Amino acid sequence: MPGYIANYGYTNGSGDYYIVVDTDKCDGCGECVEACPQGVLEVITDDYDDLVAAVREEHHRNLKYVCAPCKPVSGPRDIKCQLACPSGAVSHSW
């Protein structure tokens, strides 16, 4: 089935805040879901009946804040969901 790039998030006056899932790479393993300490991600069945990672609906408009513990403004970044993904399917726009 054809894959796509799923962008979950928003743009506001301070920037773009998206978690991006490349569904060609994502196999729905759930490693990113388990790694996220904030419970931002879930595994869903997409329009092609494939299991893929996605941002939970309640977090679509607050990623800047809910992801802040892993993505501080300064200092080291420990982006657990991105590091846990064995296929490199999960990334962040900011």
C-alpha atoms as a PDB file:
ATOM      1  CA  MET A   1       0.000   0.000   0.000  1.00  0.00           C
ATOM      2  CA  PRO A   2       1.179   3.543  -0.590  1.00  0.00           C
ATOM      3  CA  GLY A   3       2.688   5.367   2.358  1.00  0.00           C
ATOM      4  CA  TYR A   4       2.456   8.988   3.283  1.00  0.00           C
ATOM      5  CA  ILE A   5       3.942  11.523   5.627  1.00  0.00           C
ATOM      6  CA  ALA A   6       1.586  12.229   8.527  1.00  0.00           C
ATOM      7  CA  ASN A   7       2.083  15.624  10.190  1.00  0.00           C
ATOM      8  CA  TYR A   8       0.503  16.044  13.611  1.00  0.00           C
ATOM      9  CA  GLY A   9       0.641  19.439  15.266  1.00  0.00           C
ATOM     10  CA  TYR A  10       0.238  23.131  14.584  1.00  0.00           C
ATOM     11  CA  THR A  11       1.849  26.421  13.627  1.00  0.00           C
ATOM     12  CA  ASN A  12       1.566  29.544  15.738  1.00  0.00           C
ATOM     13  CA  GLY A  13       3.383  32.867  16.088  1.00  0.00           C
ATOM     14  CA  SER A  14       6.364  31.212  17.786  1.00  0.00           C
ATOM     15  CA  GLY A  15       6.932  28.457  15.228  1.00  0.00           C
ATOM     16  CA  ASP A  16       5.964  25.109  13.753  1.00  0.00           C
ATOM     17  CA  TYR A  17       5.319  22.266  16.188  1.00  0.00           C
ATOM     18  CA  TYR A  18       4.792  18.957  14.420  1.00  0.00           C
ATOM     19  CA  ILE A  19       5.566  15.331  15.025  1.00  0.00           C
ATOM     20  CA  VAL A  20       6.032  13.681  11.661  1.00  0.00           C
ATOM     21  CA  VAL A  21       5.457   9.982  10.990  1.00  0.00           C
ATOM     22  CA  ASP A  22       6.704   8.490   7.716  1.00  0.00           C
ATOM     23  CA  THR A  23       4.226   5.672   7.204  1.00  0.00           C
ATOM     24  CA  ASP A  24       6.444   4.047   4.562  1.00  0.00           C
ATOM     25  CA  LYS A  25       8.941   3.409   7.364  1.00  0.00           C
ATOM     26  CA  CYS A  26       6.579   2.883  10.314  1.00  0.00           C
ATOM     27  CA  ASP A  27       5.548  -0.714  10.927  1.00  0.00           C
ATOM     28  CA  GLY A  28       3.407  -0.021  14.007  1.00  0.00           C
ATOM     29  CA  CYS A  29       5.840  -1.713  16.410  1.00  0.00           C
ATOM     30  CA  GLY A  30       4.889   0.701  19.218  1.00  0.00           C
ATOM     31  CA  GLU A  31       8.441   1.338  20.457  1.00  0.00           C
ATOM     32  CA  CYS A  32       7.880   5.112  20.224  1.00  0.00           C
ATOM     33  CA  VAL A  33       4.609   4.808  22.168  1.00  0.00           C
ATOM     34  CA  GLU A  34       6.329   2.946  24.991  1.00  0.00           C
ATOM     35  CA  ALA A  35       9.266   5.383  25.031  1.00  0.00           C
ATOM     36  CA  CYS A  36       7.187   8.593  25.287  1.00  0.00           C
ATOM     37  CA  PRO A  37       6.951   9.627  28.942  1.00  0.00           C
ATOM     38  CA  GLN A  38       4.076  12.027  28.177  1.00  0.00           C
ATOM     39  CA  GLY A  39       1.769   9.526  26.429  1.00  0.00           C
ATOM     40  CA  VAL A  40       1.652  11.618  23.257  1.00  0.00           C
ATOM     41  CA  LEU A  41       1.694   8.731  20.781  1.00  0.00           C
ATOM     42  CA  GLU A  42      -0.512   5.757  20.043  1.00  0.00           C
ATOM     43  CA  VAL A  43      -0.643   3.039  17.385  1.00  0.00           C
ATOM     44  CA  ILE A  44      -3.652   3.282  15.087  1.00  0.00           C
ATOM     45  CA  THR A  45      -4.967   1.532  12.005  1.00  0.00           C
ATOM     46  CA  ASP A  46      -4.651   3.968   9.107  1.00  0.00           C
ATOM     47  CA  ASP A  47      -6.809   4.327   5.993  1.00  0.00           C
ATOM     48  CA  TYR A  48      -4.878   1.461   4.355  1.00  0.00           C
ATOM     49  CA  ASP A  49      -5.481  -0.927   7.298  1.00  0.00           C
ATOM     50  CA  ASP A  50      -1.829  -0.656   8.362  1.00  0.00           C
ATOM     51  CA  LEU A  51      -0.730  -0.168  11.958  1.00  0.00           C
ATOM     52  CA  VAL A  52       1.164   3.125  12.318  1.00  0.00           C
ATOM     53  CA  ALA A  53       2.171   5.537  15.058  1.00  0.00           C
ATOM     54  CA  ALA A  54       0.100   8.699  15.470  1.00  0.00           C
ATOM     55  CA  VAL A  55      -0.211  11.606  17.885  1.00  0.00           C
ATOM     56  CA  ARG A  56      -3.204  11.265  20.194  1.00  0.00           C
ATOM     57  CA  GLU A  57      -5.988  13.684  19.254  1.00  0.00           C
ATOM     58  CA  GLU A  58      -5.833  15.516  22.597  1.00  0.00           C
ATOM     59  CA  HIS A  59      -2.188  16.462  21.944  1.00  0.00           C
ATOM     60  CA  HIS A  60      -2.512  17.846  18.392  1.00  0.00           C
ATOM     61  CA  ARG A  61      -2.678  21.460  19.662  1.00  0.00           C
ATOM     62  CA  ASN A  62      -0.218  21.373  22.576  1.00  0.00           C
ATOM     63  CA  LEU A  63       2.918  19.572  21.345  1.00  0.00           C
ATOM     64  CA  LYS A  64       5.157  22.538  22.149  1.00  0.00           C
ATOM     65  CA  TYR A  65       4.252  22.128  25.801  1.00  0.00           C
ATOM     66  CA  VAL A  66       3.697  18.404  26.209  1.00  0.00           C
ATOM     67  CA  CYS A  67       6.994  17.547  24.456  1.00  0.00           C
ATOM     68  CA  ALA A  68       8.945  20.196  26.403  1.00  0.00           C
ATOM     69  CA  PRO A  69      10.464  17.747  28.938  1.00  0.00           C
ATOM     70  CA  CYS A  70      12.253  15.938  26.089  1.00  0.00           C
ATOM     71  CA  LYS A  71      12.892  19.065  24.006  1.00  0.00           C
ATOM     72  CA  PRO A  72      14.010  21.889  26.310  1.00  0.00           C
ATOM     73  CA  VAL A  73      14.862  25.288  24.829  1.00  0.00           C
ATOM     74  CA  SER A  74      18.495  24.862  25.884  1.00  0.00           C
ATOM     75  CA  GLY A  75      20.682  21.995  26.982  1.00  0.00           C
ATOM     76  CA  PRO A  76      20.700  18.397  25.793  1.00  0.00           C
ATOM     77  CA  ARG A  77      17.671  16.971  24.057  1.00  0.00           C
ATOM     78  CA  ASP A  78      16.552  13.445  24.811  1.00  0.00           C
ATOM     79  CA  ILE A  79      13.842  12.851  22.231  1.00  0.00           C
ATOM     80  CA  LYS A  80      12.803   9.424  23.454  1.00  0.00           C
ATOM     81  CA  CYS A  81      10.169   8.667  20.804  1.00  0.00           C
ATOM     82  CA  GLN A  82      12.534   9.503  17.972  1.00  0.00           C
ATOM     83  CA  LEU A  83      15.442   7.554  19.481  1.00  0.00           C
ATOM     84  CA  ALA A  84      13.257   4.505  20.169  1.00  0.00           C
ATOM     85  CA  CYS A  85      11.977   4.168  16.594  1.00  0.00           C
ATOM     86  CA  PRO A  86      14.028   1.365  14.982  1.00  0.00           C
ATOM     87  CA  SER A  87      13.054   2.424  11.459  1.00  0.00           C
ATOM     88  CA  GLY A  88      13.551   6.192  11.859  1.00  0.00           C
ATOM     89  CA  ALA A  89       9.911   6.901  11.038  1.00  0.00           C
ATOM     90  CA  VAL A  90       9.307   9.476  13.803  1.00  0.00           C
ATOM     91  CA  SER A  91      10.724  13.008  13.736  1.00  0.00           C
ATOM     92  CA  HIS A  92       9.967  16.460  15.097  1.00  0.00           C
ATOM     93  CA  SER A  93       9.802  19.730  13.169  1.00  0.00           C
ATOM     94  CA  TRP A  94      11.297  21.942  15.858  1.00  0.00           C
END
